[in-house]
N, C-alpha and C. Protein backbone atom coordinates (compact mmCIF):
# COMPACT_ATOMS: atom_id res chain seq x y z
N UNK A 1 188.28 3.13 -15.45
CA UNK A 1 188.75 2.15 -14.49
C UNK A 1 188.71 0.78 -15.17
N UNK A 2 189.85 0.12 -15.23
CA UNK A 2 189.95 -1.20 -15.84
C UNK A 2 189.54 -2.25 -14.81
N UNK A 3 188.53 -3.05 -15.17
CA UNK A 3 188.03 -4.09 -14.28
C UNK A 3 188.53 -5.45 -14.76
N UNK A 4 189.04 -6.26 -13.84
CA UNK A 4 189.52 -7.60 -14.15
C UNK A 4 188.88 -8.58 -13.18
N UNK A 5 187.59 -8.92 -13.41
CA UNK A 5 186.85 -9.76 -12.46
C UNK A 5 187.50 -11.10 -12.15
N UNK A 6 188.23 -11.67 -13.09
CA UNK A 6 188.84 -12.98 -12.84
C UNK A 6 189.90 -12.91 -11.75
N UNK A 7 190.39 -11.72 -11.43
CA UNK A 7 191.39 -11.55 -10.36
C UNK A 7 190.75 -11.28 -9.00
N UNK A 8 189.44 -11.17 -8.95
CA UNK A 8 188.73 -10.82 -7.72
C UNK A 8 188.38 -12.00 -6.84
N UNK A 9 188.52 -13.22 -7.34
CA UNK A 9 188.08 -14.41 -6.61
C UNK A 9 188.80 -14.50 -5.26
N UNK A 10 187.98 -14.70 -4.21
CA UNK A 10 188.50 -14.79 -2.85
C UNK A 10 188.66 -13.45 -2.16
N UNK A 11 188.31 -12.37 -2.84
CA UNK A 11 188.46 -11.02 -2.28
C UNK A 11 187.09 -10.33 -2.20
N UNK A 12 186.99 -9.29 -1.38
CA UNK A 12 185.76 -8.50 -1.39
C UNK A 12 185.55 -7.88 -2.77
N UNK A 13 184.31 -7.74 -3.17
CA UNK A 13 183.98 -7.16 -4.47
C UNK A 13 184.53 -5.73 -4.52
N UNK A 14 185.54 -5.46 -5.37
CA UNK A 14 186.19 -4.15 -5.35
C UNK A 14 185.33 -3.01 -5.87
N UNK A 15 184.27 -3.30 -6.58
CA UNK A 15 183.39 -2.25 -7.09
C UNK A 15 182.13 -2.09 -6.24
N UNK A 16 182.06 -2.78 -5.12
CA UNK A 16 180.86 -2.75 -4.27
C UNK A 16 180.49 -1.33 -3.85
N UNK A 17 181.47 -0.52 -3.50
CA UNK A 17 181.17 0.84 -3.04
C UNK A 17 180.62 1.73 -4.16
N UNK A 18 180.78 1.32 -5.41
CA UNK A 18 180.31 2.12 -6.53
C UNK A 18 178.91 1.71 -7.00
N UNK A 19 178.50 0.50 -6.69
CA UNK A 19 177.19 0.01 -7.11
C UNK A 19 176.13 0.65 -6.22
N UNK A 20 175.05 1.13 -6.82
CA UNK A 20 174.02 1.82 -6.05
C UNK A 20 173.04 0.85 -5.39
N UNK A 21 173.56 -0.23 -4.84
CA UNK A 21 172.77 -1.23 -4.09
C UNK A 21 173.71 -1.94 -3.14
N UNK A 22 173.16 -2.45 -2.04
CA UNK A 22 173.97 -3.16 -1.05
C UNK A 22 173.93 -4.66 -1.33
N UNK A 23 175.07 -5.19 -1.74
CA UNK A 23 175.20 -6.62 -2.05
C UNK A 23 176.16 -7.29 -1.08
N UNK A 24 176.34 -6.71 0.09
CA UNK A 24 177.37 -7.16 1.03
C UNK A 24 177.00 -8.38 1.86
N UNK A 25 175.71 -8.74 1.91
CA UNK A 25 175.36 -9.91 2.71
C UNK A 25 174.51 -10.87 1.89
N UNK A 26 174.71 -12.14 2.17
CA UNK A 26 173.98 -13.18 1.45
C UNK A 26 174.70 -13.61 0.19
N UNK A 27 174.09 -14.55 -0.49
CA UNK A 27 174.61 -15.05 -1.77
C UNK A 27 173.97 -14.26 -2.89
N UNK A 28 174.77 -13.73 -3.79
CA UNK A 28 174.29 -12.95 -4.92
C UNK A 28 174.91 -13.44 -6.21
N UNK A 29 174.14 -13.41 -7.27
CA UNK A 29 174.65 -13.56 -8.61
C UNK A 29 174.47 -12.19 -9.26
N UNK A 30 175.57 -11.62 -9.72
CA UNK A 30 175.55 -10.30 -10.35
C UNK A 30 175.81 -10.47 -11.84
N UNK A 31 174.99 -9.81 -12.63
CA UNK A 31 175.22 -9.75 -14.06
C UNK A 31 175.62 -8.32 -14.38
N UNK A 32 176.89 -8.11 -14.67
CA UNK A 32 177.43 -6.80 -14.99
C UNK A 32 177.37 -6.65 -16.51
N UNK A 33 176.76 -5.55 -16.98
CA UNK A 33 176.50 -5.46 -18.42
C UNK A 33 176.48 -4.03 -18.94
N UNK A 34 176.51 -3.95 -20.25
CA UNK A 34 176.22 -2.73 -21.00
C UNK A 34 174.91 -2.98 -21.73
N UNK A 35 174.06 -1.98 -21.76
CA UNK A 35 172.72 -2.17 -22.32
C UNK A 35 172.71 -2.60 -23.79
N UNK A 36 173.74 -2.25 -24.54
CA UNK A 36 173.74 -2.57 -25.97
C UNK A 36 174.43 -3.90 -26.29
N UNK A 37 174.70 -4.70 -25.28
CA UNK A 37 175.36 -6.00 -25.48
C UNK A 37 174.32 -7.05 -25.88
N UNK A 38 174.46 -7.66 -27.05
CA UNK A 38 173.49 -8.67 -27.50
C UNK A 38 173.41 -9.88 -26.56
N UNK A 39 174.54 -10.30 -26.01
CA UNK A 39 174.53 -11.44 -25.08
C UNK A 39 173.72 -11.11 -23.84
N UNK A 40 173.85 -9.85 -23.36
CA UNK A 40 173.08 -9.42 -22.20
C UNK A 40 171.59 -9.46 -22.51
N UNK A 41 171.21 -8.92 -23.63
CA UNK A 41 169.80 -8.86 -23.98
C UNK A 41 169.20 -10.26 -24.08
N UNK A 42 169.98 -11.21 -24.54
CA UNK A 42 169.52 -12.60 -24.62
C UNK A 42 169.44 -13.24 -23.23
N UNK A 43 170.35 -12.86 -22.34
CA UNK A 43 170.44 -13.49 -21.02
C UNK A 43 169.44 -12.95 -20.00
N UNK A 44 169.00 -11.70 -20.15
CA UNK A 44 168.16 -11.07 -19.12
C UNK A 44 166.92 -11.87 -18.75
N UNK A 45 166.13 -12.36 -19.69
CA UNK A 45 164.94 -13.12 -19.27
C UNK A 45 165.28 -14.32 -18.39
N UNK A 46 166.39 -14.99 -18.68
CA UNK A 46 166.79 -16.15 -17.88
C UNK A 46 167.20 -15.72 -16.46
N UNK A 47 167.93 -14.62 -16.36
CA UNK A 47 168.33 -14.13 -15.04
C UNK A 47 167.13 -13.60 -14.25
N UNK A 48 166.22 -12.93 -14.92
CA UNK A 48 165.01 -12.45 -14.24
C UNK A 48 164.21 -13.64 -13.70
N UNK A 49 164.10 -14.69 -14.48
CA UNK A 49 163.37 -15.87 -14.02
C UNK A 49 164.10 -16.54 -12.85
N UNK A 50 165.41 -16.59 -12.93
CA UNK A 50 166.22 -17.19 -11.87
C UNK A 50 166.09 -16.39 -10.56
N UNK A 51 165.77 -15.11 -10.66
CA UNK A 51 165.64 -14.25 -9.47
C UNK A 51 164.46 -14.66 -8.59
N UNK A 52 163.56 -15.49 -9.09
CA UNK A 52 162.49 -16.02 -8.23
C UNK A 52 163.04 -17.05 -7.26
N UNK A 53 164.24 -17.60 -7.56
CA UNK A 53 164.82 -18.66 -6.75
C UNK A 53 166.04 -18.23 -5.94
N UNK A 54 166.73 -17.17 -6.39
CA UNK A 54 167.93 -16.70 -5.68
C UNK A 54 168.14 -15.21 -5.92
N UNK A 55 169.08 -14.64 -5.19
CA UNK A 55 169.36 -13.20 -5.30
C UNK A 55 170.12 -12.91 -6.58
N UNK A 56 169.51 -12.13 -7.45
CA UNK A 56 170.12 -11.72 -8.71
C UNK A 56 170.17 -10.20 -8.74
N UNK A 57 171.33 -9.66 -9.07
CA UNK A 57 171.49 -8.22 -9.27
C UNK A 57 171.98 -7.99 -10.70
N UNK A 58 171.24 -7.20 -11.45
CA UNK A 58 171.62 -6.86 -12.80
C UNK A 58 172.15 -5.43 -12.75
N UNK A 59 173.47 -5.30 -12.97
CA UNK A 59 174.15 -4.02 -12.77
C UNK A 59 174.58 -3.46 -14.13
N UNK A 60 174.03 -2.29 -14.44
CA UNK A 60 174.29 -1.64 -15.73
C UNK A 60 175.48 -0.70 -15.61
N UNK A 61 176.32 -0.73 -16.65
CA UNK A 61 177.46 0.18 -16.75
C UNK A 61 177.08 1.32 -17.68
N UNK A 62 177.61 2.53 -17.47
CA UNK A 62 177.30 3.63 -18.39
C UNK A 62 177.93 3.40 -19.76
N UNK A 63 177.37 3.98 -20.82
CA UNK A 63 176.19 4.84 -20.83
C UNK A 63 174.93 4.02 -20.61
N UNK A 64 173.99 4.60 -19.90
CA UNK A 64 172.78 3.90 -19.53
C UNK A 64 171.74 3.91 -20.65
N UNK A 65 170.85 2.94 -20.57
CA UNK A 65 169.70 2.89 -21.46
C UNK A 65 168.51 3.44 -20.68
N UNK A 66 168.10 4.65 -20.99
CA UNK A 66 166.99 5.26 -20.24
C UNK A 66 165.67 4.53 -20.47
N UNK A 67 165.61 3.69 -21.50
CA UNK A 67 164.38 2.98 -21.81
C UNK A 67 164.31 1.61 -21.15
N UNK A 68 165.38 1.19 -20.46
CA UNK A 68 165.40 -0.12 -19.83
C UNK A 68 164.36 -0.17 -18.72
N UNK A 69 163.49 -1.16 -18.79
CA UNK A 69 162.43 -1.31 -17.81
C UNK A 69 162.68 -2.58 -17.01
N UNK A 70 162.72 -2.45 -15.70
CA UNK A 70 162.91 -3.61 -14.82
C UNK A 70 161.54 -4.22 -14.57
N UNK A 71 161.27 -5.33 -15.24
CA UNK A 71 159.94 -5.94 -15.13
C UNK A 71 159.96 -7.31 -14.49
N UNK A 72 160.97 -7.58 -13.68
CA UNK A 72 161.06 -8.86 -13.01
C UNK A 72 161.55 -8.68 -11.59
N UNK A 73 161.78 -9.79 -10.90
CA UNK A 73 162.16 -9.73 -9.49
C UNK A 73 163.64 -9.43 -9.21
N UNK A 74 164.47 -9.40 -10.24
CA UNK A 74 165.90 -9.12 -10.02
C UNK A 74 166.09 -7.68 -9.55
N UNK A 75 167.11 -7.47 -8.74
CA UNK A 75 167.51 -6.14 -8.31
C UNK A 75 168.24 -5.49 -9.48
N UNK A 76 167.85 -4.28 -9.84
CA UNK A 76 168.52 -3.54 -10.90
C UNK A 76 169.30 -2.40 -10.28
N UNK A 77 170.58 -2.29 -10.66
CA UNK A 77 171.46 -1.28 -10.10
C UNK A 77 172.38 -0.76 -11.21
N UNK A 78 173.17 0.25 -10.86
CA UNK A 78 174.07 0.85 -11.84
C UNK A 78 175.41 1.18 -11.20
N UNK A 79 176.44 1.20 -12.07
CA UNK A 79 177.71 1.81 -11.70
C UNK A 79 177.61 3.28 -12.11
N UNK A 80 178.23 4.19 -11.37
CA UNK A 80 178.09 5.61 -11.69
C UNK A 80 178.75 5.99 -13.01
N UNK A 81 178.28 7.08 -13.58
CA UNK A 81 178.83 7.54 -14.85
C UNK A 81 179.89 8.62 -14.67
N UNK A 82 180.46 8.72 -13.46
CA UNK A 82 181.49 9.73 -13.20
C UNK A 82 182.90 9.26 -13.57
N UNK A 83 182.98 8.08 -14.15
CA UNK A 83 184.26 7.54 -14.64
C UNK A 83 183.97 6.57 -15.77
N UNK A 84 185.03 6.20 -16.48
CA UNK A 84 184.89 5.22 -17.55
C UNK A 84 185.22 3.85 -16.98
N UNK A 85 184.37 2.88 -17.28
CA UNK A 85 184.56 1.51 -16.81
C UNK A 85 184.93 0.64 -18.00
N UNK A 86 186.02 -0.09 -17.90
CA UNK A 86 186.47 -0.95 -18.98
C UNK A 86 186.46 -2.40 -18.53
N UNK A 87 185.62 -3.21 -19.19
CA UNK A 87 185.56 -4.65 -18.91
C UNK A 87 184.79 -5.30 -20.05
N UNK A 88 185.17 -6.52 -20.37
CA UNK A 88 184.41 -7.28 -21.36
C UNK A 88 183.10 -7.68 -20.70
N UNK A 89 181.99 -7.37 -21.34
CA UNK A 89 180.68 -7.70 -20.78
C UNK A 89 179.93 -8.64 -21.71
N UNK A 90 178.96 -9.35 -21.20
CA UNK A 90 178.54 -9.38 -19.81
C UNK A 90 179.47 -10.22 -18.95
N UNK A 91 179.44 -9.94 -17.65
CA UNK A 91 180.23 -10.69 -16.67
C UNK A 91 179.28 -11.19 -15.60
N UNK A 92 179.39 -12.47 -15.26
CA UNK A 92 178.64 -13.00 -14.13
C UNK A 92 179.59 -13.12 -12.95
N UNK A 93 179.16 -12.55 -11.82
CA UNK A 93 179.96 -12.57 -10.60
C UNK A 93 179.13 -13.22 -9.51
N UNK A 94 179.71 -14.20 -8.82
CA UNK A 94 179.05 -14.86 -7.70
C UNK A 94 179.64 -14.32 -6.40
N UNK A 95 178.77 -13.86 -5.50
CA UNK A 95 179.22 -13.35 -4.21
C UNK A 95 178.67 -14.18 -3.07
N UNK A 96 179.47 -14.32 -2.02
CA UNK A 96 179.03 -14.93 -0.77
C UNK A 96 179.42 -13.94 0.33
N UNK A 97 178.42 -13.26 0.89
CA UNK A 97 178.64 -12.23 1.91
C UNK A 97 179.69 -11.22 1.49
N UNK A 98 179.58 -10.73 0.24
CA UNK A 98 180.46 -9.69 -0.27
C UNK A 98 181.78 -10.16 -0.83
N UNK A 99 182.07 -11.46 -0.70
CA UNK A 99 183.32 -12.03 -1.22
C UNK A 99 183.05 -12.69 -2.57
N UNK A 100 183.89 -12.40 -3.55
CA UNK A 100 183.74 -12.98 -4.89
C UNK A 100 184.17 -14.44 -4.84
N UNK A 101 183.26 -15.35 -5.21
CA UNK A 101 183.60 -16.77 -5.24
C UNK A 101 183.76 -17.26 -6.68
N UNK A 102 183.27 -16.49 -7.65
CA UNK A 102 183.45 -16.85 -9.05
C UNK A 102 183.18 -15.62 -9.89
N UNK A 103 183.87 -15.50 -11.01
CA UNK A 103 183.65 -14.42 -11.97
C UNK A 103 184.00 -14.94 -13.35
N UNK A 104 183.10 -14.69 -14.30
CA UNK A 104 183.31 -15.24 -15.63
C UNK A 104 182.60 -14.42 -16.69
N UNK A 105 183.25 -14.27 -17.84
CA UNK A 105 182.61 -13.65 -18.99
C UNK A 105 181.88 -14.70 -19.81
N UNK A 106 182.07 -15.96 -19.46
CA UNK A 106 181.35 -17.05 -20.10
C UNK A 106 180.09 -17.30 -19.30
N UNK A 107 178.97 -16.78 -19.77
CA UNK A 107 177.73 -16.95 -19.03
C UNK A 107 177.28 -18.40 -19.10
N UNK A 108 176.86 -18.95 -17.97
CA UNK A 108 176.38 -20.33 -18.00
C UNK A 108 175.06 -20.41 -18.76
N UNK A 109 174.78 -21.57 -19.29
CA UNK A 109 173.51 -21.78 -19.95
C UNK A 109 172.48 -22.02 -18.86
N UNK A 110 171.54 -21.11 -18.73
CA UNK A 110 170.50 -21.22 -17.71
C UNK A 110 169.18 -21.44 -18.42
N UNK A 111 168.50 -22.50 -18.06
CA UNK A 111 167.20 -22.75 -18.66
C UNK A 111 166.14 -21.93 -17.93
N UNK A 112 164.98 -21.79 -18.49
CA UNK A 112 163.95 -20.97 -17.89
C UNK A 112 163.44 -21.54 -16.56
N UNK A 113 163.75 -22.80 -16.26
CA UNK A 113 163.36 -23.33 -14.94
C UNK A 113 164.46 -23.09 -13.90
N UNK A 114 165.50 -22.30 -14.29
CA UNK A 114 166.53 -21.91 -13.34
C UNK A 114 167.70 -22.89 -13.23
N UNK A 115 167.68 -23.95 -14.00
CA UNK A 115 168.77 -24.94 -13.91
C UNK A 115 169.88 -24.55 -14.86
N UNK A 116 171.11 -24.88 -14.44
CA UNK A 116 172.28 -24.58 -15.26
C UNK A 116 172.71 -25.80 -16.03
């Protein structure tokens, strides 16, 4: 399945039904990633820290890393491995009550105090 997050702005999150978590209400920042992405590995501590201040969901795409340990307050979820997912990762997606308000492969610079 080819994903084009930049076309989702203003629409309901089209992959919501596939994510094994409910992100349909409230404000969410989603980090969509592959476990072997170096940018993701660098960004995770910042997103985990930011999860103390806002709703963060870190969503892994297959193939999964069975050794990945969720050691912070962020919600960890996955897309199913019953299909192939094609997208440049990592992707940050901002949701407001299930509606995409922003999507970008350019991750913002987040400091450890949660400021952008």
